[in-house]
Amino acid sequence: MKPLLTSLERHFDLLSDERAAIEALREAPLVRVPARQTMLSEGDQQSVVRLLSQGWAYRFKDLPDGRRQIVGLLLPGDFFDLKVRLGDEMDHSVAALTPLAYHAIPPETLDRLSAEHPRIADALARHEHVNGAIHREWLLNLGRRNAFERLAHLFLEVFLRLRAAGLARGGECDCPLTQNDLADATGVTSVHLNRTMQELRREGLVELKSKRLFIRDYDRLAQIAMFNPNYLQLGREARALVR
């Protein structure tokens, strides 16, 4: 529960009983999934709230001809869908990017948690608001930024999200995304993605090596991507997180 707690505490000083209530979510069954397995398909009905504990996942949509668009990344501390209700159908699919584990939480458990701890309900609402803001930023990324700017923006977002959850240090973090994944997330071909990645390296901005992302020049990268971290709601530690 540490990534979730770290993210929530960017905005709220949780009391000991509130922290304990969130920690109790770890009692929900832990489900392990191998890398590259599709866990949820479009049209599936959900019965539990999934809280990612370890590993990465991604949301995607497929076209009938096989083309895929990654429409979101799920990192430790993220909920697959916080507002699951009986009969809800998936409007997209979710696959494991790496081997992962998630807690399968009954919706009524979260309903009870929110009713008993209103400040936790507020914190979770803020958490979901950030997810919506990330989705809107991805739309802007695909619609208006060029490939170089898109990739730079994606790397900065991943880095800051992980650092905000306590999962990155200095200017580096895990990044198991392959070039095909990055192409599917930025809406370009693999060939174009490869050229763009090489250009980022030549400019001394970013390096992706052994599934690690190294941000070599944050300020220049942010300028190129026209990156404004406000949508991530980094809270009181924003300045520390972006340097």
C-alpha atoms as a PDB file:
ATOM      1  CA  MET A   1       0.000   0.000   0.000  1.00  0.00           C
ATOM      2  CA  LYS A   2       3.003   2.295   0.194  1.00  0.00           C
ATOM      3  CA  PRO A   3       2.689   3.789  -3.334  1.00  0.00           C
ATOM      4  CA  LEU A   4      -1.004   4.565  -2.732  1.00  0.00           C
ATOM      5  CA  LEU A   5      -0.299   6.075   0.683  1.00  0.00           C
ATOM      6  CA  THR A   6       2.573   8.150  -0.688  1.00  0.00           C
ATOM      7  CA  SER A   7       0.356   9.494  -3.473  1.00  0.00           C
ATOM      8  CA  LEU A   8      -2.554  10.314  -1.169  1.00  0.00           C
ATOM      9  CA  GLU A   9      -0.318  12.004   1.374  1.00  0.00           C
ATOM     10  CA  ARG A  10       0.826  14.520  -1.216  1.00  0.00           C
ATOM     11  CA  HIS A  11      -2.492  16.229  -0.521  1.00  0.00           C
ATOM     12  CA  PHE A  12      -3.594  15.088   2.939  1.00  0.00           C
ATOM     13  CA  ASP A  13      -1.845  14.569   6.268  1.00  0.00           C
ATOM     14  CA  LEU A  14      -3.456  11.232   7.021  1.00  0.00           C
ATOM     15  CA  LEU A  15      -4.119  10.412  10.654  1.00  0.00           C
ATOM     16  CA  SER A  16      -2.929   7.132  12.139  1.00  0.00           C
ATOM     17  CA  ASP A  17      -6.382   5.546  11.965  1.00  0.00           C
ATOM     18  CA  GLU A  18      -6.768   6.646   8.331  1.00  0.00           C
ATOM     19  CA  ARG A  19      -3.405   5.169   7.409  1.00  0.00           C
ATOM     20  CA  ALA A  20      -4.370   1.940   9.181  1.00  0.00           C
ATOM     21  CA  ALA A  21      -7.667   1.814   7.282  1.00  0.00           C
ATOM     22  CA  ILE A  22      -5.866   2.123   3.959  1.00  0.00           C
ATOM     23  CA  GLU A  23      -3.232  -0.413   5.013  1.00  0.00           C
ATOM     24  CA  ALA A  24      -6.083  -2.843   5.757  1.00  0.00           C
ATOM     25  CA  LEU A  25      -6.836  -2.978   2.020  1.00  0.00           C
ATOM     26  CA  ARG A  26      -3.855  -5.307   1.706  1.00  0.00           C
ATOM     27  CA  GLU A  27      -6.053  -7.991   3.309  1.00  0.00           C
ATOM     28  CA  ALA A  28      -7.949  -8.254   0.015  1.00  0.00           C
ATOM     29  CA  PRO A  29      -6.873 -11.220  -2.137  1.00  0.00           C
ATOM     30  CA  LEU A  30      -3.632 -10.651  -4.028  1.00  0.00           C
ATOM     31  CA  VAL A  31      -3.803 -11.781  -7.652  1.00  0.00           C
ATOM     32  CA  ARG A  32      -0.617 -12.305  -9.669  1.00  0.00           C
ATOM     33  CA  VAL A  33      -0.530 -11.953 -13.459  1.00  0.00           C
ATOM     34  CA  PRO A  34       2.338 -12.789 -15.850  1.00  0.00           C
ATOM     35  CA  ALA A  35       3.728 -10.197 -18.232  1.00  0.00           C
ATOM     36  CA  ARG A  36       1.840  -9.470 -21.456  1.00  0.00           C
ATOM     37  CA  GLN A  37      -1.350 -11.224 -20.359  1.00  0.00           C
ATOM     38  CA  THR A  38      -4.653  -9.471 -21.027  1.00  0.00           C
ATOM     39  CA  MET A  39      -6.508  -9.291 -17.718  1.00  0.00           C
ATOM     40  CA  LEU A  40      -9.668  -7.504 -18.808  1.00  0.00           C
ATOM     41  CA  SER A  41     -11.153  -7.296 -22.290  1.00  0.00           C
ATOM     42  CA  GLU A  42     -13.583  -4.770 -23.695  1.00  0.00           C
ATOM     43  CA  GLY A  43     -17.092  -5.929 -22.801  1.00  0.00           C
ATOM     44  CA  ASP A  44     -16.060  -7.846 -19.670  1.00  0.00           C
ATOM     45  CA  GLN A  45     -18.065  -7.231 -16.523  1.00  0.00           C
ATOM     46  CA  GLN A  46     -16.219  -6.193 -13.379  1.00  0.00           C
ATOM     47  CA  SER A  47     -16.984  -7.410  -9.887  1.00  0.00           C
ATOM     48  CA  VAL A  48     -14.011  -6.113  -7.885  1.00  0.00           C
ATOM     49  CA  VAL A  49     -11.913  -2.970  -7.631  1.00  0.00           C
ATOM     50  CA  ARG A  50      -8.344  -3.746  -8.636  1.00  0.00           C
ATOM     51  CA  LEU A  51      -5.527  -1.886  -6.873  1.00  0.00           C
ATOM     52  CA  LEU A  52      -2.155  -2.368  -8.528  1.00  0.00           C
ATOM     53  CA  SER A  53       0.425  -3.357  -5.934  1.00  0.00           C
ATOM     54  CA  GLN A  54       3.440  -4.372  -8.021  1.00  0.00           C
ATOM     55  CA  GLY A  55       4.360  -4.045 -11.679  1.00  0.00           C
ATOM     56  CA  TRP A  56       2.929  -2.085 -14.610  1.00  0.00           C
ATOM     57  CA  ALA A  57      -0.192  -2.477 -16.744  1.00  0.00           C
ATOM     58  CA  TYR A  58      -1.672  -0.568 -19.641  1.00  0.00           C
ATOM     59  CA  ARG A  59      -5.121   0.272 -20.984  1.00  0.00           C
ATOM     60  CA  PHE A  60      -5.643  -0.231 -24.701  1.00  0.00           C
ATOM     61  CA  LYS A  61      -8.114  -0.242 -27.562  1.00  0.00           C
ATOM     62  CA  ASP A  62      -7.765  -2.422 -30.663  1.00  0.00           C
ATOM     63  CA  LEU A  63      -9.099  -1.831 -34.150  1.00  0.00           C
ATOM     64  CA  PRO A  64     -10.530  -4.778 -36.120  1.00  0.00           C
ATOM     65  CA  ASP A  65      -7.422  -4.787 -38.341  1.00  0.00           C
ATOM     66  CA  GLY A  66      -5.154  -5.347 -35.328  1.00  0.00           C
ATOM     67  CA  ARG A  67      -3.839  -1.833 -34.805  1.00  0.00           C
ATOM     68  CA  ARG A  68      -3.544  -0.986 -31.118  1.00  0.00           C
ATOM     69  CA  GLN A  69      -3.610   2.292 -29.208  1.00  0.00           C
ATOM     70  CA  ILE A  70      -2.368   2.365 -25.630  1.00  0.00           C
ATOM     71  CA  VAL A  71      -4.665   4.853 -23.909  1.00  0.00           C
ATOM     72  CA  GLY A  72      -3.189   4.839 -20.411  1.00  0.00           C
ATOM     73  CA  LEU A  73      -0.561   3.420 -18.091  1.00  0.00           C
ATOM     74  CA  LEU A  74      -1.276   1.868 -14.694  1.00  0.00           C
ATOM     75  CA  LEU A  75       1.531   2.161 -12.153  1.00  0.00           C
ATOM     76  CA  PRO A  76       1.823   0.850  -8.564  1.00  0.00           C
ATOM     77  CA  GLY A  77      -0.757   2.562  -6.364  1.00  0.00           C
ATOM     78  CA  ASP A  78      -3.262   3.028  -9.208  1.00  0.00           C
ATOM     79  CA  PHE A  79      -6.790   1.629  -9.261  1.00  0.00           C
ATOM     80  CA  PHE A  80      -7.933  -0.016 -12.476  1.00  0.00           C
ATOM     81  CA  ASP A  81     -11.380   1.474 -11.878  1.00  0.00           C
ATOM     82  CA  LEU A  82     -12.331   2.956  -8.535  1.00  0.00           C
ATOM     83  CA  LYS A  83     -16.063   3.126  -9.240  1.00  0.00           C
ATOM     84  CA  VAL A  84     -16.927  -0.469 -10.090  1.00  0.00           C
ATOM     85  CA  ARG A  85     -20.605  -1.322  -9.927  1.00  0.00           C
ATOM     86  CA  LEU A  86     -22.251  -4.670 -10.601  1.00  0.00           C
ATOM     87  CA  GLY A  87     -22.984  -5.015 -14.303  1.00  0.00           C
ATOM     88  CA  ASP A  88     -20.485  -2.395 -15.435  1.00  0.00           C
ATOM     89  CA  GLU A  89     -18.837  -3.390 -18.717  1.00  0.00           C
ATOM     90  CA  MET A  90     -15.307  -2.529 -19.743  1.00  0.00           C
ATOM     91  CA  ASP A  91     -15.093   0.005 -22.578  1.00  0.00           C
ATOM     92  CA  HIS A  92     -11.416  -0.859 -23.117  1.00  0.00           C
ATOM     93  CA  SER A  93      -8.975  -3.671 -22.339  1.00  0.00           C
ATOM     94  CA  VAL A  94      -6.212  -3.934 -19.733  1.00  0.00           C
ATOM     95  CA  ALA A  95      -3.021  -5.970 -20.084  1.00  0.00           C
ATOM     96  CA  ALA A  96      -0.019  -6.620 -17.872  1.00  0.00           C
ATOM     97  CA  LEU A  97       3.093  -4.904 -19.166  1.00  0.00           C
ATOM     98  CA  THR A  98       5.299  -6.673 -16.610  1.00  0.00           C
ATOM     99  CA  PRO A  99       4.620  -9.447 -14.124  1.00  0.00           C
ATOM    100  CA  LEU A 100       2.289  -7.769 -11.659  1.00  0.00           C
ATOM    101  CA  ALA A 101       0.144  -8.223  -8.589  1.00  0.00           C
ATOM    102  CA  TYR A 102      -3.086  -6.483  -7.696  1.00  0.00           C
ATOM    103  CA  HIS A 103      -5.459  -6.552  -4.733  1.00  0.00           C
ATOM    104  CA  ALA A 104      -9.015  -7.569  -5.677  1.00  0.00           C
ATOM    105  CA  ILE A 105     -11.106  -5.362  -3.393  1.00  0.00           C
ATOM    106  CA  PRO A 106     -14.897  -5.803  -3.061  1.00  0.00           C
ATOM    107  CA  PRO A 107     -16.623  -2.510  -3.974  1.00  0.00           C
ATOM    108  CA  GLU A 108     -18.517  -2.540  -0.674  1.00  0.00           C
ATOM    109  CA  THR A 109     -15.180  -2.471   1.181  1.00  0.00           C
ATOM    110  CA  LEU A 110     -14.272   0.823  -0.451  1.00  0.00           C
ATOM    111  CA  ASP A 111     -17.801   2.149   0.078  1.00  0.00           C
ATOM    112  CA  ARG A 112     -17.474   1.393   3.783  1.00  0.00           C
ATOM    113  CA  LEU A 113     -13.982   2.898   3.931  1.00  0.00           C
ATOM    114  CA  SER A 114     -15.222   6.136   2.377  1.00  0.00           C
ATOM    115  CA  ALA A 115     -18.276   6.308   4.662  1.00  0.00           C
ATOM    116  CA  GLU A 116     -16.217   5.783   7.804  1.00  0.00           C
ATOM    117  CA  HIS A 117     -13.358   8.071   6.754  1.00  0.00           C
ATOM    118  CA  PRO A 118     -14.627  11.093   4.774  1.00  0.00           C
ATOM    119  CA  ARG A 119     -11.101  12.486   4.350  1.00  0.00           C
ATOM    120  CA  ILE A 120     -10.019   9.251   2.688  1.00  0.00           C
ATOM    121  CA  ALA A 121     -13.006   9.606   0.354  1.00  0.00           C
ATOM    122  CA  ASP A 122     -11.783  13.117  -0.514  1.00  0.00           C
ATOM    123  CA  ALA A 123      -8.252  11.846  -1.098  1.00  0.00           C
ATOM    124  CA  LEU A 124      -9.466   9.049  -3.365  1.00  0.00           C
ATOM    125  CA  ALA A 125     -11.621  11.528  -5.286  1.00  0.00           C
ATOM    126  CA  ARG A 126      -8.519  13.672  -5.849  1.00  0.00           C
ATOM    127  CA  HIS A 127      -6.662  10.562  -6.973  1.00  0.00           C
ATOM    128  CA  GLU A 128      -9.350   9.864  -9.596  1.00  0.00           C
ATOM    129  CA  HIS A 129      -9.417  13.511 -10.683  1.00  0.00           C
ATOM    130  CA  VAL A 130      -5.731  13.225 -11.542  1.00  0.00           C
ATOM    131  CA  ASN A 131      -6.503  10.159 -13.675  1.00  0.00           C
ATOM    132  CA  GLY A 132      -9.017  12.206 -15.639  1.00  0.00           C
ATOM    133  CA  ALA A 133      -6.504  15.009 -16.061  1.00  0.00           C
ATOM    134  CA  ILE A 134      -3.907  12.533 -17.345  1.00  0.00           C
ATOM    135  CA  HIS A 135      -6.409  11.246 -19.908  1.00  0.00           C
ATOM    136  CA  ARG A 136      -7.073  14.797 -21.146  1.00  0.00           C
ATOM    137  CA  GLU A 137      -3.339  15.463 -21.409  1.00  0.00           C
ATOM    138  CA  TRP A 138      -2.895  12.294 -23.481  1.00  0.00           C
ATOM    139  CA  LEU A 139      -5.575  13.561 -25.873  1.00  0.00           C
ATOM    140  CA  LEU A 140      -3.664  16.826 -26.236  1.00  0.00           C
ATOM    141  CA  ASN A 141      -0.437  14.903 -26.710  1.00  0.00           C
ATOM    142  CA  LEU A 142      -1.833  12.809 -29.566  1.00  0.00           C
ATOM    143  CA  GLY A 143      -3.765  15.646 -31.168  1.00  0.00           C
ATOM    144  CA  ARG A 144      -1.323  18.535 -31.136  1.00  0.00           C
ATOM    145  CA  ARG A 145       2.251  17.570 -30.205  1.00  0.00           C
ATOM    146  CA  ASN A 146       4.649  16.105 -32.760  1.00  0.00           C
ATOM    147  CA  ALA A 147       6.382  12.765 -32.209  1.00  0.00           C
ATOM    148  CA  PHE A 148       9.448  14.301 -30.545  1.00  0.00           C
ATOM    149  CA  GLU A 149       7.285  16.321 -28.163  1.00  0.00           C
ATOM    150  CA  ARG A 150       4.944  13.400 -27.464  1.00  0.00           C
ATOM    151  CA  LEU A 151       7.730  11.069 -26.431  1.00  0.00           C
ATOM    152  CA  ALA A 152       9.426  13.724 -24.299  1.00  0.00           C
ATOM    153  CA  HIS A 153       6.107  14.449 -22.583  1.00  0.00           C
ATOM    154  CA  LEU A 154       5.384  10.774 -21.944  1.00  0.00           C
ATOM    155  CA  PHE A 155       8.795  10.215 -20.348  1.00  0.00           C
ATOM    156  CA  LEU A 156       8.376  13.215 -18.053  1.00  0.00           C
ATOM    157  CA  GLU A 157       4.906  12.084 -16.983  1.00  0.00           C
ATOM    158  CA  VAL A 158       6.053   8.545 -16.186  1.00  0.00           C
ATOM    159  CA  PHE A 159       9.046   9.835 -14.246  1.00  0.00           C
ATOM    160  CA  LEU A 160       7.009  12.273 -12.142  1.00  0.00           C
ATOM    161  CA  ARG A 161       4.205   9.798 -11.461  1.00  0.00           C
ATOM    162  CA  LEU A 162       6.692   7.230 -10.214  1.00  0.00           C
ATOM    163  CA  ARG A 163       8.625   9.765  -8.172  1.00  0.00           C
ATOM    164  CA  ALA A 164       5.411  11.052  -6.597  1.00  0.00           C
ATOM    165  CA  ALA A 165       4.651   7.471  -5.520  1.00  0.00           C
ATOM    166  CA  GLY A 166       8.123   7.086  -4.035  1.00  0.00           C
ATOM    167  CA  LEU A 167       9.319   4.786  -6.834  1.00  0.00           C
ATOM    168  CA  ALA A 168      12.003   6.934  -8.461  1.00  0.00           C
ATOM    169  CA  ARG A 169      15.039   8.767  -7.242  1.00  0.00           C
ATOM    170  CA  GLY A 170      17.309  11.362  -8.716  1.00  0.00           C
ATOM    171  CA  GLY A 171      16.707  11.536 -12.450  1.00  0.00           C
ATOM    172  CA  GLU A 172      15.998   7.881 -13.100  1.00  0.00           C
ATOM    173  CA  CYS A 173      13.229   5.316 -12.750  1.00  0.00           C
ATOM    174  CA  ASP A 174      12.074   1.944 -14.037  1.00  0.00           C
ATOM    175  CA  CYS A 175      10.662   1.979 -17.554  1.00  0.00           C
ATOM    176  CA  PRO A 176       9.827  -1.465 -18.989  1.00  0.00           C
ATOM    177  CA  LEU A 177       8.107   0.013 -22.053  1.00  0.00           C
ATOM    178  CA  THR A 178       9.454  -1.426 -25.300  1.00  0.00           C
ATOM    179  CA  GLN A 179       9.765   0.632 -28.463  1.00  0.00           C
ATOM    180  CA  ASN A 180       6.571  -1.034 -29.736  1.00  0.00           C
ATOM    181  CA  ASP A 181       4.792  -0.008 -26.516  1.00  0.00           C
ATOM    182  CA  LEU A 182       6.052   3.549 -26.848  1.00  0.00           C
ATOM    183  CA  ALA A 183       4.903   3.625 -30.481  1.00  0.00           C
ATOM    184  CA  ASP A 184       1.437   2.380 -29.489  1.00  0.00           C
ATOM    185  CA  ALA A 185       1.242   4.991 -26.722  1.00  0.00           C
ATOM    186  CA  THR A 186       2.314   7.910 -28.907  1.00  0.00           C
ATOM    187  CA  GLY A 187       0.493   6.945 -32.100  1.00  0.00           C
ATOM    188  CA  VAL A 188       3.531   6.626 -34.373  1.00  0.00           C
ATOM    189  CA  THR A 189       5.158   3.735 -36.224  1.00  0.00           C
ATOM    190  CA  SER A 190       7.937   1.714 -34.608  1.00  0.00           C
ATOM    191  CA  VAL A 191      10.377   3.047 -37.206  1.00  0.00           C
ATOM    192  CA  HIS A 192       9.438   6.652 -36.442  1.00  0.00           C
ATOM    193  CA  LEU A 193       9.628   5.945 -32.732  1.00  0.00           C
ATOM    194  CA  ASN A 194      13.136   4.511 -33.112  1.00  0.00           C
ATOM    195  CA  ARG A 195      14.326   7.630 -34.959  1.00  0.00           C
ATOM    196  CA  THR A 196      12.744   9.873 -32.329  1.00  0.00           C
ATOM    197  CA  MET A 197      14.362   7.945 -29.498  1.00  0.00           C
ATOM    198  CA  GLN A 198      17.765   8.245 -31.171  1.00  0.00           C
ATOM    199  CA  GLU A 199      17.251  11.996 -31.527  1.00  0.00           C
ATOM    200  CA  LEU A 200      16.414  12.344 -27.828  1.00  0.00           C
ATOM    201  CA  ARG A 201      19.634  10.506 -26.981  1.00  0.00           C
ATOM    202  CA  ARG A 202      21.744  12.583 -29.376  1.00  0.00           C
ATOM    203  CA  GLU A 203      20.398  15.758 -27.807  1.00  0.00           C
ATOM    204  CA  GLY A 204      21.469  14.506 -24.373  1.00  0.00           C
ATOM    205  CA  LEU A 205      17.918  14.628 -23.032  1.00  0.00           C
ATOM    206  CA  VAL A 206      16.896  11.057 -22.272  1.00  0.00           C
ATOM    207  CA  GLU A 207      18.384   7.589 -22.230  1.00  0.00           C
ATOM    208  CA  LEU A 208      16.489   4.308 -22.019  1.00  0.00           C
ATOM    209  CA  LYS A 209      18.794   1.496 -20.984  1.00  0.00           C
ATOM    210  CA  SER A 210      18.201  -1.914 -19.390  1.00  0.00           C
ATOM    211  CA  LYS A 211      14.562  -1.029 -18.708  1.00  0.00           C
ATOM    212  CA  ARG A 212      15.634   2.124 -16.852  1.00  0.00           C
ATOM    213  CA  LEU A 213      14.747   5.672 -17.875  1.00  0.00           C
ATOM    214  CA  PHE A 214      17.368   8.363 -17.302  1.00  0.00           C
ATOM    215  CA  ILE A 215      16.257  11.993 -17.518  1.00  0.00           C
ATOM    216  CA  ARG A 216      19.490  13.745 -18.472  1.00  0.00           C
ATOM    217  CA  ASP A 217      18.203  17.310 -18.801  1.00  0.00           C
ATOM    218  CA  TYR A 218      14.814  17.879 -17.171  1.00  0.00           C
ATOM    219  CA  ASP A 219      14.551  21.598 -17.981  1.00  0.00           C
ATOM    220  CA  ARG A 220      15.297  21.247 -21.698  1.00  0.00           C
ATOM    221  CA  LEU A 221      13.055  18.203 -21.979  1.00  0.00           C
ATOM    222  CA  ALA A 222      10.179  20.053 -20.300  1.00  0.00           C
ATOM    223  CA  GLN A 223      10.681  23.044 -22.586  1.00  0.00           C
ATOM    224  CA  ILE A 224      10.631  20.884 -25.707  1.00  0.00           C
ATOM    225  CA  ALA A 225       7.535  18.967 -24.576  1.00  0.00           C
ATOM    226  CA  MET A 226       5.799  22.166 -23.400  1.00  0.00           C
ATOM    227  CA  PHE A 227       5.313  20.205 -20.195  1.00  0.00           C
ATOM    228  CA  ASN A 228       3.295  21.721 -17.357  1.00  0.00           C
ATOM    229  CA  PRO A 229       3.102  19.297 -14.397  1.00  0.00           C
ATOM    230  CA  ASN A 230       0.024  20.998 -12.899  1.00  0.00           C
ATOM    231  CA  TYR A 231      -2.302  18.311 -14.268  1.00  0.00           C
ATOM    232  CA  LEU A 232      -0.550  15.719 -12.098  1.00  0.00           C
ATOM    233  CA  GLN A 233      -1.541  17.642  -8.943  1.00  0.00           C
ATOM    234  CA  LEU A 234       1.831  17.081  -7.324  1.00  0.00           C
ATOM    235  CA  GLY A 235       0.674  19.058  -4.307  1.00  0.00           C
ATOM    236  CA  ARG A 236       2.871  20.491  -1.623  1.00  0.00           C
ATOM    237  CA  GLU A 237       6.045  18.750  -2.810  1.00  0.00           C
ATOM    238  CA  ALA A 238       5.746  19.859  -6.448  1.00  0.00           C
ATOM    239  CA  ARG A 239       8.963  21.842  -6.551  1.00  0.00           C
ATOM    240  CA  ALA A 240      10.973  19.014  -5.053  1.00  0.00           C
ATOM    241  CA  LEU A 241       9.443  16.511  -7.474  1.00  0.00           C
ATOM    242  CA  VAL A 242      10.277  18.387 -10.650  1.00  0.00           C
ATOM    243  CA  ARG A 243      13.948  18.959  -9.833  1.00  0.00           C
END
